Amino acid sequence: MQSFADPRRRGGSTLILLDRGNDPKRTVLYISSLIFKIVLLNDSRMDLESVHESVESNLQTEISERTISFAIDFLFLIEKLDVDEEGQFYAL
């Protein structure tokens, strides 16, 4: 069984590492950096829907909720993003 982090897996936007057949802007790492930039530059806290809409607007393409979730999880793991009691994200 391959994990979503396996660079051999073909699945488009759920790859963490760049694969030759995929758009670099659809990787979890790229989207994580974009989310961090969006939340950091936004002076107020943002909910998940706003973050998702901002990412899609910035990339001018649809991004799956799964990919957004992986990207946000990554930002939590590296302690760059947190969430308050109301479900609003903010940069650390």
PDB file of N, CA and C in Angstrom:
ATOM      1  N   MET A   1       0.833  -1.181   0.000  1.00  0.00           N
ATOM      2  CA  MET A   1       0.000   0.000   0.000  1.00  0.00           C
ATOM      3  C   MET A   1       0.878   1.245   0.000  1.00  0.00           C
ATOM      4  N   GLN A   2       0.595   2.161  -0.902  1.00  0.00           N
ATOM      5  CA  GLN A   2       1.374   3.388  -0.989  1.00  0.00           C
ATOM      6  C   GLN A   2       0.694   4.489  -0.194  1.00  0.00           C
ATOM      7  N   SER A   3       1.493   5.315   0.453  1.00  0.00           N
ATOM      8  CA  SER A   3       0.932   6.453   1.173  1.00  0.00           C
ATOM      9  C   SER A   3       0.786   7.624   0.218  1.00  0.00           C
ATOM     10  N   PHE A   4       0.050   8.654   0.653  1.00  0.00           N
ATOM     11  CA  PHE A   4      -0.128   9.823  -0.188  1.00  0.00           C
ATOM     12  C   PHE A   4       1.186  10.563  -0.387  1.00  0.00           C
ATOM     13  N   ALA A   5       2.173  10.295   0.454  1.00  0.00           N
ATOM     14  CA  ALA A   5       3.468  10.956   0.340  1.00  0.00           C
ATOM     15  C   ALA A   5       4.410  10.224  -0.615  1.00  0.00           C
ATOM     16  N   ASP A   6       3.996   9.082  -1.101  1.00  0.00           N
ATOM     17  CA  ASP A   6       4.825   8.288  -1.995  1.00  0.00           C
ATOM     18  C   ASP A   6       4.966   9.009  -3.335  1.00  0.00           C
ATOM     19  N   PRO A   7       6.181   9.380  -3.749  1.00  0.00           N
ATOM     20  CA  PRO A   7       6.351  10.127  -4.983  1.00  0.00           C
ATOM     21  C   PRO A   7       5.987   9.340  -6.235  1.00  0.00           C
ATOM     22  N   ARG A   8       5.813   8.023  -6.124  1.00  0.00           N
ATOM     23  CA  ARG A   8       5.439   7.221  -7.294  1.00  0.00           C
ATOM     24  C   ARG A   8       3.942   7.232  -7.544  1.00  0.00           C
ATOM     25  N   ARG A   9       3.178   7.635  -6.565  1.00  0.00           N
ATOM     26  CA  ARG A   9       1.726   7.587  -6.697  1.00  0.00           C
ATOM     27  C   ARG A   9       1.232   8.671  -7.634  1.00  0.00           C
ATOM     28  N   ARG A  10       0.420   8.293  -8.560  1.00  0.00           N
ATOM     29  CA  ARG A  10      -0.213   9.241  -9.465  1.00  0.00           C
ATOM     30  C   ARG A  10      -1.578   9.568  -8.886  1.00  0.00           C
ATOM     31  N   GLY A  11      -1.833  10.786  -8.564  1.00  0.00           N
ATOM     32  CA  GLY A  11      -3.117  11.162  -8.015  1.00  0.00           C
ATOM     33  C   GLY A  11      -3.290  12.653  -8.087  1.00  0.00           C
ATOM     34  N   GLY A  12      -2.353  13.288  -8.732  1.00  0.00           N
ATOM     35  CA  GLY A  12      -2.480  14.722  -8.912  1.00  0.00           C
ATOM     36  C   GLY A  12      -2.175  15.508  -7.673  1.00  0.00           C
ATOM     37  N   SER A  13      -3.186  16.141  -7.126  1.00  0.00           N
ATOM     38  CA  SER A  13      -2.975  17.166  -6.121  1.00  0.00           C
ATOM     39  C   SER A  13      -2.658  16.648  -4.725  1.00  0.00           C
ATOM     40  N   THR A  14      -2.655  15.344  -4.492  1.00  0.00           N
ATOM     41  CA  THR A  14      -2.379  14.871  -3.142  1.00  0.00           C
ATOM     42  C   THR A  14      -0.911  14.530  -2.930  1.00  0.00           C
ATOM     43  N   LEU A  15      -0.079  14.755  -3.918  1.00  0.00           N
ATOM     44  CA  LEU A  15       1.338  14.457  -3.761  1.00  0.00           C
ATOM     45  C   LEU A  15       2.033  15.525  -2.929  1.00  0.00           C
ATOM     46  N   ILE A  16       2.911  15.084  -2.053  1.00  0.00           N
ATOM     47  CA  ILE A  16       3.733  16.025  -1.302  1.00  0.00           C
ATOM     48  C   ILE A  16       4.948  16.396  -2.138  1.00  0.00           C
ATOM     49  N   LEU A  17       5.575  15.413  -2.742  1.00  0.00           N
ATOM     50  CA  LEU A  17       6.752  15.655  -3.557  1.00  0.00           C
ATOM     51  C   LEU A  17       6.362  15.825  -5.013  1.00  0.00           C
ATOM     52  N   LEU A  18       7.188  16.547  -5.735  1.00  0.00           N
ATOM     53  CA  LEU A  18       6.923  16.796  -7.142  1.00  0.00           C
ATOM     54  C   LEU A  18       7.178  15.542  -7.967  1.00  0.00           C
ATOM     55  N   ASP A  19       6.248  15.223  -8.816  1.00  0.00           N
ATOM     56  CA  ASP A  19       6.343  14.104  -9.726  1.00  0.00           C
ATOM     57  C   ASP A  19       6.416  14.687 -11.134  1.00  0.00           C
ATOM     58  N   ARG A  20       7.113  14.068 -12.008  1.00  0.00           N
ATOM     59  CA  ARG A  20       7.285  14.614 -13.357  1.00  0.00           C
ATOM     60  C   ARG A  20       5.962  14.858 -14.080  1.00  0.00           C
ATOM     61  N   GLY A  21       4.941  14.079 -13.773  1.00  0.00           N
ATOM     62  CA  GLY A  21       3.675  14.212 -14.473  1.00  0.00           C
ATOM     63  C   GLY A  21       2.690  15.155 -13.822  1.00  0.00           C
ATOM     64  N   ASN A  22       3.115  15.882 -12.802  1.00  0.00           N
ATOM     65  CA  ASN A  22       2.188  16.729 -12.062  1.00  0.00           C
ATOM     66  C   ASN A  22       2.596  18.188 -12.106  1.00  0.00           C
ATOM     67  N   ASP A  23       1.602  19.039 -11.969  1.00  0.00           N
ATOM     68  CA  ASP A  23       1.820  20.473 -11.898  1.00  0.00           C
ATOM     69  C   ASP A  23       2.389  20.811 -10.517  1.00  0.00           C
ATOM     70  N   PRO A  24       3.526  21.480 -10.440  1.00  0.00           N
ATOM     71  CA  PRO A  24       4.124  21.804  -9.142  1.00  0.00           C
ATOM     72  C   PRO A  24       3.203  22.625  -8.242  1.00  0.00           C
ATOM     73  N   LYS A  25       2.324  23.405  -8.829  1.00  0.00           N
ATOM     74  CA  LYS A  25       1.424  24.248  -8.051  1.00  0.00           C
ATOM     75  C   LYS A  25       0.269  23.461  -7.428  1.00  0.00           C
ATOM     76  N   ARG A  26       0.185  22.176  -7.688  1.00  0.00           N
ATOM     77  CA  ARG A  26      -0.887  21.351  -7.120  1.00  0.00           C
ATOM     78  C   ARG A  26      -0.371  20.419  -6.024  1.00  0.00           C
ATOM     79  N   THR A  27       0.891  20.603  -5.614  1.00  0.00           N
ATOM     80  CA  THR A  27       1.438  19.761  -4.549  1.00  0.00           C
ATOM     81  C   THR A  27       1.038  20.310  -3.184  1.00  0.00           C
ATOM     82  N   VAL A  28       1.029  19.436  -2.203  1.00  0.00           N
ATOM     83  CA  VAL A  28       0.675  19.836  -0.835  1.00  0.00           C
ATOM     84  C   VAL A  28       1.650  20.881  -0.312  1.00  0.00           C
ATOM     85  N   LEU A  29       2.935  20.731  -0.599  1.00  0.00           N
ATOM     86  CA  LEU A  29       3.921  21.693  -0.114  1.00  0.00           C
ATOM     87  C   LEU A  29       3.690  23.082  -0.696  1.00  0.00           C
ATOM     88  N   TYR A  30       3.424  23.159  -1.977  1.00  0.00           N
ATOM     89  CA  TYR A  30       3.177  24.464  -2.602  1.00  0.00           C
ATOM     90  C   TYR A  30       1.920  25.091  -2.033  1.00  0.00           C
ATOM     91  N   ILE A  31       0.866  24.316  -1.926  1.00  0.00           N
ATOM     92  CA  ILE A  31      -0.400  24.836  -1.409  1.00  0.00           C
ATOM     93  C   ILE A  31      -0.258  25.222   0.062  1.00  0.00           C
ATOM     94  N   SER A  32       0.545  24.477   0.821  1.00  0.00           N
ATOM     95  CA  SER A  32       0.822  24.852   2.212  1.00  0.00           C
ATOM     96  C   SER A  32       1.471  26.228   2.284  1.00  0.00           C
ATOM     97  N   SER A  33       2.447  26.450   1.431  1.00  0.00           N
ATOM     98  CA  SER A  33       3.124  27.753   1.444  1.00  0.00           C
ATOM     99  C   SER A  33       2.164  28.866   1.041  1.00  0.00           C
ATOM    100  N   LEU A  34       1.290  28.577   0.108  1.00  0.00           N
ATOM    101  CA  LEU A  34       0.299  29.564  -0.319  1.00  0.00           C
ATOM    102  C   LEU A  34      -0.687  29.872   0.807  1.00  0.00           C
ATOM    103  N   ILE A  35      -1.156  28.847   1.494  1.00  0.00           N
ATOM    104  CA  ILE A  35      -2.080  29.041   2.621  1.00  0.00           C
ATOM    105  C   ILE A  35      -1.394  29.870   3.706  1.00  0.00           C
ATOM    106  N   PHE A  36      -0.151  29.545   4.026  1.00  0.00           N
ATOM    107  CA  PHE A  36       0.566  30.300   5.050  1.00  0.00           C
ATOM    108  C   PHE A  36       0.674  31.770   4.657  1.00  0.00           C
ATOM    109  N   LYS A  37       1.004  32.030   3.412  1.00  0.00           N
ATOM    110  CA  LYS A  37       1.109  33.410   2.923  1.00  0.00           C
ATOM    111  C   LYS A  37      -0.232  34.125   3.023  1.00  0.00           C
ATOM    112  N   ILE A  38      -1.305  33.454   2.618  1.00  0.00           N
ATOM    113  CA  ILE A  38      -2.637  34.055   2.651  1.00  0.00           C
ATOM    114  C   ILE A  38      -3.053  34.391   4.081  1.00  0.00           C
ATOM    115  N   VAL A  39      -2.878  33.444   4.985  1.00  0.00           N
ATOM    116  CA  VAL A  39      -3.274  33.652   6.379  1.00  0.00           C
ATOM    117  C   VAL A  39      -2.367  34.686   7.047  1.00  0.00           C
ATOM    118  N   LEU A  40      -1.076  34.663   6.747  1.00  0.00           N
ATOM    119  CA  LEU A  40      -0.134  35.607   7.336  1.00  0.00           C
ATOM    120  C   LEU A  40      -0.427  37.038   6.898  1.00  0.00           C
ATOM    121  N   LEU A  41      -0.736  37.219   5.616  1.00  0.00           N
ATOM    122  CA  LEU A  41      -0.994  38.561   5.103  1.00  0.00           C
ATOM    123  C   LEU A  41      -2.375  39.089   5.490  1.00  0.00           C
ATOM    124  N   ASN A  42      -3.265  38.183   5.855  1.00  0.00           N
ATOM    125  CA  ASN A  42      -4.600  38.583   6.290  1.00  0.00           C
ATOM    126  C   ASN A  42      -4.515  38.994   7.759  1.00  0.00           C
ATOM    127  N   ASP A  43      -4.872  40.216   8.071  1.00  0.00           N
ATOM    128  CA  ASP A  43      -4.743  40.714   9.447  1.00  0.00           C
ATOM    129  C   ASP A  43      -5.709  40.055  10.418  1.00  0.00           C
ATOM    130  N   SER A  44      -6.812  39.529   9.904  1.00  0.00           N
ATOM    131  CA  SER A  44      -7.771  38.858  10.785  1.00  0.00           C
ATOM    132  C   SER A  44      -7.690  37.352  10.580  1.00  0.00           C
ATOM    133  N   ARG A  45      -8.370  36.623  11.414  1.00  0.00           N
ATOM    134  CA  ARG A  45      -8.384  35.156  11.309  1.00  0.00           C
ATOM    135  C   ARG A  45      -9.323  34.736  10.188  1.00  0.00           C
ATOM    136  N   MET A  46      -9.071  33.549   9.624  1.00  0.00           N
ATOM    137  CA  MET A  46      -9.842  33.078   8.475  1.00  0.00           C
ATOM    138  C   MET A  46     -10.423  31.700   8.759  1.00  0.00           C
ATOM    139  N   ASP A  47     -11.628  31.449   8.247  1.00  0.00           N
ATOM    140  CA  ASP A  47     -12.210  30.116   8.381  1.00  0.00           C
ATOM    141  C   ASP A  47     -11.775  29.257   7.193  1.00  0.00           C
ATOM    142  N   LEU A  48     -12.075  27.971   7.286  1.00  0.00           N
ATOM    143  CA  LEU A  48     -11.639  27.019   6.261  1.00  0.00           C
ATOM    144  C   LEU A  48     -12.171  27.381   4.882  1.00  0.00           C
ATOM    145  N   GLU A  49     -13.418  27.768   4.805  1.00  0.00           N
ATOM    146  CA  GLU A  49     -14.017  28.110   3.511  1.00  0.00           C
ATOM    147  C   GLU A  49     -13.306  29.302   2.868  1.00  0.00           C
ATOM    148  N   SER A  50     -12.998  30.305   3.672  1.00  0.00           N
ATOM    149  CA  SER A  50     -12.291  31.484   3.144  1.00  0.00           C
ATOM    150  C   SER A  50     -10.899  31.132   2.658  1.00  0.00           C
ATOM    151  N   VAL A  51     -10.210  30.278   3.413  1.00  0.00           N
ATOM    152  CA  VAL A  51      -8.878  29.834   3.006  1.00  0.00           C
ATOM    153  C   VAL A  51      -8.958  29.080   1.683  1.00  0.00           C
ATOM    154  N   HIS A  52      -9.910  28.162   1.584  1.00  0.00           N
ATOM    155  CA  HIS A  52     -10.086  27.360   0.367  1.00  0.00           C
ATOM    156  C   HIS A  52     -10.376  28.264  -0.832  1.00  0.00           C
ATOM    157  N   GLU A  53     -11.301  29.204  -0.666  1.00  0.00           N
ATOM    158  CA  GLU A  53     -11.649  30.125  -1.757  1.00  0.00           C
ATOM    159  C   GLU A  53     -10.444  30.975  -2.162  1.00  0.00           C
ATOM    160  N   SER A  54      -9.668  31.430  -1.195  1.00  0.00           N
ATOM    161  CA  SER A  54      -8.490  32.250  -1.490  1.00  0.00           C
ATOM    162  C   SER A  54      -7.445  31.465  -2.277  1.00  0.00           C
ATOM    163  N   VAL A  55      -7.235  30.208  -1.904  1.00  0.00           N
ATOM    164  CA  VAL A  55      -6.271  29.363  -2.617  1.00  0.00           C
ATOM    165  C   VAL A  55      -6.737  29.166  -4.062  1.00  0.00           C
ATOM    166  N   GLU A  56      -7.988  28.797  -4.244  1.00  0.00           N
ATOM    167  CA  GLU A  56      -8.507  28.579  -5.604  1.00  0.00           C
ATOM    168  C   GLU A  56      -8.456  29.858  -6.430  1.00  0.00           C
ATOM    169  N   SER A  57      -8.746  30.985  -5.814  1.00  0.00           N
ATOM    170  CA  SER A  57      -8.690  32.263  -6.518  1.00  0.00           C
ATOM    171  C   SER A  57      -7.261  32.588  -6.924  1.00  0.00           C
ATOM    172  N   ASN A  58      -6.329  32.334  -6.031  1.00  0.00           N
ATOM    173  CA  ASN A  58      -4.926  32.607  -6.295  1.00  0.00           C
ATOM    174  C   ASN A  58      -4.375  31.723  -7.404  1.00  0.00           C
ATOM    175  N   LEU A  59      -4.752  30.451  -7.402  1.00  0.00           N
ATOM    176  CA  LEU A  59      -4.258  29.509  -8.406  1.00  0.00           C
ATOM    177  C   LEU A  59      -5.109  29.476  -9.667  1.00  0.00           C
ATOM    178  N   GLN A  60      -6.290  30.073  -9.601  1.00  0.00           N
ATOM    179  CA  GLN A  60      -7.249  30.092 -10.706  1.00  0.00           C
ATOM    180  C   GLN A  60      -7.593  28.687 -11.195  1.00  0.00           C
ATOM    181  N   THR A  61      -7.770  27.791 -10.236  1.00  0.00           N
ATOM    182  CA  THR A  61      -8.172  26.419 -10.529  1.00  0.00           C
ATOM    183  C   THR A  61      -8.800  25.814  -9.279  1.00  0.00           C
ATOM    184  N   GLU A  62      -9.563  24.740  -9.466  1.00  0.00           N
ATOM    185  CA  GLU A  62     -10.175  24.065  -8.326  1.00  0.00           C
ATOM    186  C   GLU A  62      -9.133  23.201  -7.614  1.00  0.00           C
ATOM    187  N   ILE A  63      -9.180  23.238  -6.289  1.00  0.00           N
ATOM    188  CA  ILE A  63      -8.316  22.409  -5.445  1.00  0.00           C
ATOM    189  C   ILE A  63      -9.237  21.615  -4.535  1.00  0.00           C
ATOM    190  N   SER A  64      -8.982  20.325  -4.409  1.00  0.00           N
ATOM    191  CA  SER A  64      -9.853  19.474  -3.604  1.00  0.00           C
ATOM    192  C   SER A  64      -9.763  19.818  -2.120  1.00  0.00           C
ATOM    193  N   GLU A  65     -10.833  19.540  -1.411  1.00  0.00           N
ATOM    194  CA  GLU A  65     -10.850  19.744   0.041  1.00  0.00           C
ATOM    195  C   GLU A  65      -9.800  18.864   0.708  1.00  0.00           C
ATOM    196  N   ARG A  66      -9.582  17.700   0.157  1.00  0.00           N
ATOM    197  CA  ARG A  66      -8.588  16.773   0.698  1.00  0.00           C
ATOM    198  C   ARG A  66      -7.195  17.396   0.650  1.00  0.00           C
ATOM    199  N   THR A  67      -6.849  18.009  -0.460  1.00  0.00           N
ATOM    200  CA  THR A  67      -5.543  18.644  -0.604  1.00  0.00           C
ATOM    201  C   THR A  67      -5.397  19.819   0.347  1.00  0.00           C
ATOM    202  N   ILE A  68      -6.455  20.618   0.476  1.00  0.00           N
ATOM    203  CA  ILE A  68      -6.443  21.738   1.418  1.00  0.00           C
ATOM    204  C   ILE A  68      -6.237  21.206   2.839  1.00  0.00           C
ATOM    205  N   SER A  69      -6.927  20.122   3.180  1.00  0.00           N
ATOM    206  CA  SER A  69      -6.787  19.530   4.518  1.00  0.00           C
ATOM    207  C   SER A  69      -5.371  19.033   4.762  1.00  0.00           C
ATOM    208  N   PHE A  70      -4.771  18.359   3.779  1.00  0.00           N
ATOM    209  CA  PHE A  70      -3.389  17.896   3.921  1.00  0.00           C
ATOM    210  C   PHE A  70      -2.441  19.087   4.123  1.00  0.00           C
ATOM    211  N   ALA A  71      -2.654  20.143   3.366  1.00  0.00           N
ATOM    212  CA  ALA A  71      -1.797  21.324   3.459  1.00  0.00           C
ATOM    213  C   ALA A  71      -1.917  21.987   4.832  1.00  0.00           C
ATOM    214  N   ILE A  72      -3.143  22.104   5.332  1.00  0.00           N
ATOM    215  CA  ILE A  72      -3.358  22.696   6.654  1.00  0.00           C
ATOM    216  C   ILE A  72      -2.763  21.796   7.736  1.00  0.00           C
ATOM    217  N   ASP A  73      -2.943  20.490   7.606  1.00  0.00           N
ATOM    218  CA  ASP A  73      -2.339  19.548   8.562  1.00  0.00           C
ATOM    219  C   ASP A  73      -0.821  19.713   8.602  1.00  0.00           C
ATOM    220  N   PHE A  74      -0.214  19.855   7.444  1.00  0.00           N
ATOM    221  CA  PHE A  74       1.224  20.049   7.369  1.00  0.00           C
ATOM    222  C   PHE A  74       1.637  21.317   8.119  1.00  0.00           C
ATOM    223  N   LEU A  75       0.884  22.403   7.925  1.00  0.00           N
ATOM    224  CA  LEU A  75       1.193  23.659   8.609  1.00  0.00           C
ATOM    225  C   LEU A  75       1.037  23.537  10.127  1.00  0.00           C
ATOM    226  N   PHE A  76       0.062  22.738  10.578  1.00  0.00           N
ATOM    227  CA  PHE A  76      -0.069  22.475  12.014  1.00  0.00           C
ATOM    228  C   PHE A  76       1.145  21.705  12.523  1.00  0.00           C
ATOM    229  N   LEU A  77       1.572  20.703  11.767  1.00  0.00           N
ATOM    230  CA  LEU A  77       2.694  19.865  12.183  1.00  0.00           C
ATOM    231  C   LEU A  77       3.997  20.643  12.328  1.00  0.00           C
ATOM    232  N   ILE A  78       4.203  21.610  11.466  1.00  0.00           N
ATOM    233  CA  ILE A  78       5.434  22.405  11.551  1.00  0.00           C
ATOM    234  C   ILE A  78       5.216  23.684  12.369  1.00  0.00           C
ATOM    235  N   GLU A  79       4.087  23.758  13.036  1.00  0.00           N
ATOM    236  CA  GLU A  79       3.745  24.848  13.958  1.00  0.00           C
ATOM    237  C   GLU A  79       3.791  26.226  13.318  1.00  0.00           C
ATOM    238  N   LYS A  80       3.207  26.335  12.118  1.00  0.00           N
ATOM    239  CA  LYS A  80       3.095  27.621  11.434  1.00  0.00           C
ATOM    240  C   LYS A  80       1.663  28.136  11.415  1.00  0.00           C
ATOM    241  N   LEU A  81       0.713  27.281  11.784  1.00  0.00           N
ATOM    242  CA  LEU A  81      -0.707  27.638  11.739  1.00  0.00           C
ATOM    243  C   LEU A  81      -1.385  27.056  12.963  1.00  0.00           C
ATOM    244  N   ASP A  82      -2.369  27.782  13.470  1.00  0.00           N
ATOM    245  CA  ASP A  82      -3.156  27.281  14.589  1.00  0.00           C
ATOM    246  C   ASP A  82      -4.607  27.681  14.362  1.00  0.00           C
ATOM    247  N   VAL A  83      -5.483  27.133  15.187  1.00  0.00           N
ATOM    248  CA  VAL A  83      -6.907  27.408  15.058  1.00  0.00           C
ATOM    249  C   VAL A  83      -7.447  27.774  16.438  1.00  0.00           C
ATOM    250  N   ASP A  84      -8.380  28.728  16.475  1.00  0.00           N
ATOM    251  CA  ASP A  84      -8.968  29.116  17.752  1.00  0.00           C
ATOM    252  C   ASP A  84     -10.234  28.305  18.018  1.00  0.00           C
ATOM    253  N   GLU A  85     -10.908  28.617  19.104  1.00  0.00           N
ATOM    254  CA  GLU A  85     -12.110  27.866  19.519  1.00  0.00           C
ATOM    255  C   GLU A  85     -13.260  27.986  18.512  1.00  0.00           C
ATOM    256  N   GLU A  86     -13.244  29.041  17.698  1.00  0.00           N
ATOM    257  CA  GLU A  86     -14.316  29.260  16.718  1.00  0.00           C
ATOM    258  C   GLU A  86     -13.991  28.648  15.347  1.00  0.00           C
ATOM    259  N   GLY A  87     -12.857  27.978  15.251  1.00  0.00           N
ATOM    260  CA  GLY A  87     -12.478  27.344  13.988  1.00  0.00           C
ATOM    261  C   GLY A  87     -11.804  28.285  13.009  1.00  0.00           C
ATOM    262  N   GLN A  88     -11.301  29.396  13.493  1.00  0.00           N
ATOM    263  CA  GLN A  88     -10.612  30.381  12.649  1.00  0.00           C
ATOM    264  C   GLN A  88      -9.104  30.118  12.682  1.00  0.00           C
ATOM    265  N   PHE A  89      -8.488  30.130  11.507  1.00  0.00           N
ATOM    266  CA  PHE A  89      -7.058  29.894  11.400  1.00  0.00           C
ATOM    267  C   PHE A  89      -6.281  31.182  11.561  1.00  0.00           C
ATOM    268  N   TYR A  90      -5.088  31.073  12.124  1.00  0.00           N
ATOM    269  CA  TYR A  90      -4.187  32.208  12.217  1.00  0.00           C
ATOM    270  C   TYR A  90      -2.743  31.707  12.154  1.00  0.00           C
ATOM    271  N   ALA A  91      -1.860  32.567  11.642  1.00  0.00           N
ATOM    272  CA  ALA A  91      -0.446  32.205  11.498  1.00  0.00           C
ATOM    273  C   ALA A  91       0.275  32.408  12.819  1.00  0.00           C
ATOM    274  N   LEU A  92       1.235  31.541  13.075  1.00  0.00           N
ATOM    275  CA  LEU A  92       2.061  31.654  14.287  1.00  0.00           C
ATOM    276  C   LEU A  92       3.369  32.342  13.973  1.00  0.00           C
TER     277      LEU A  92
END
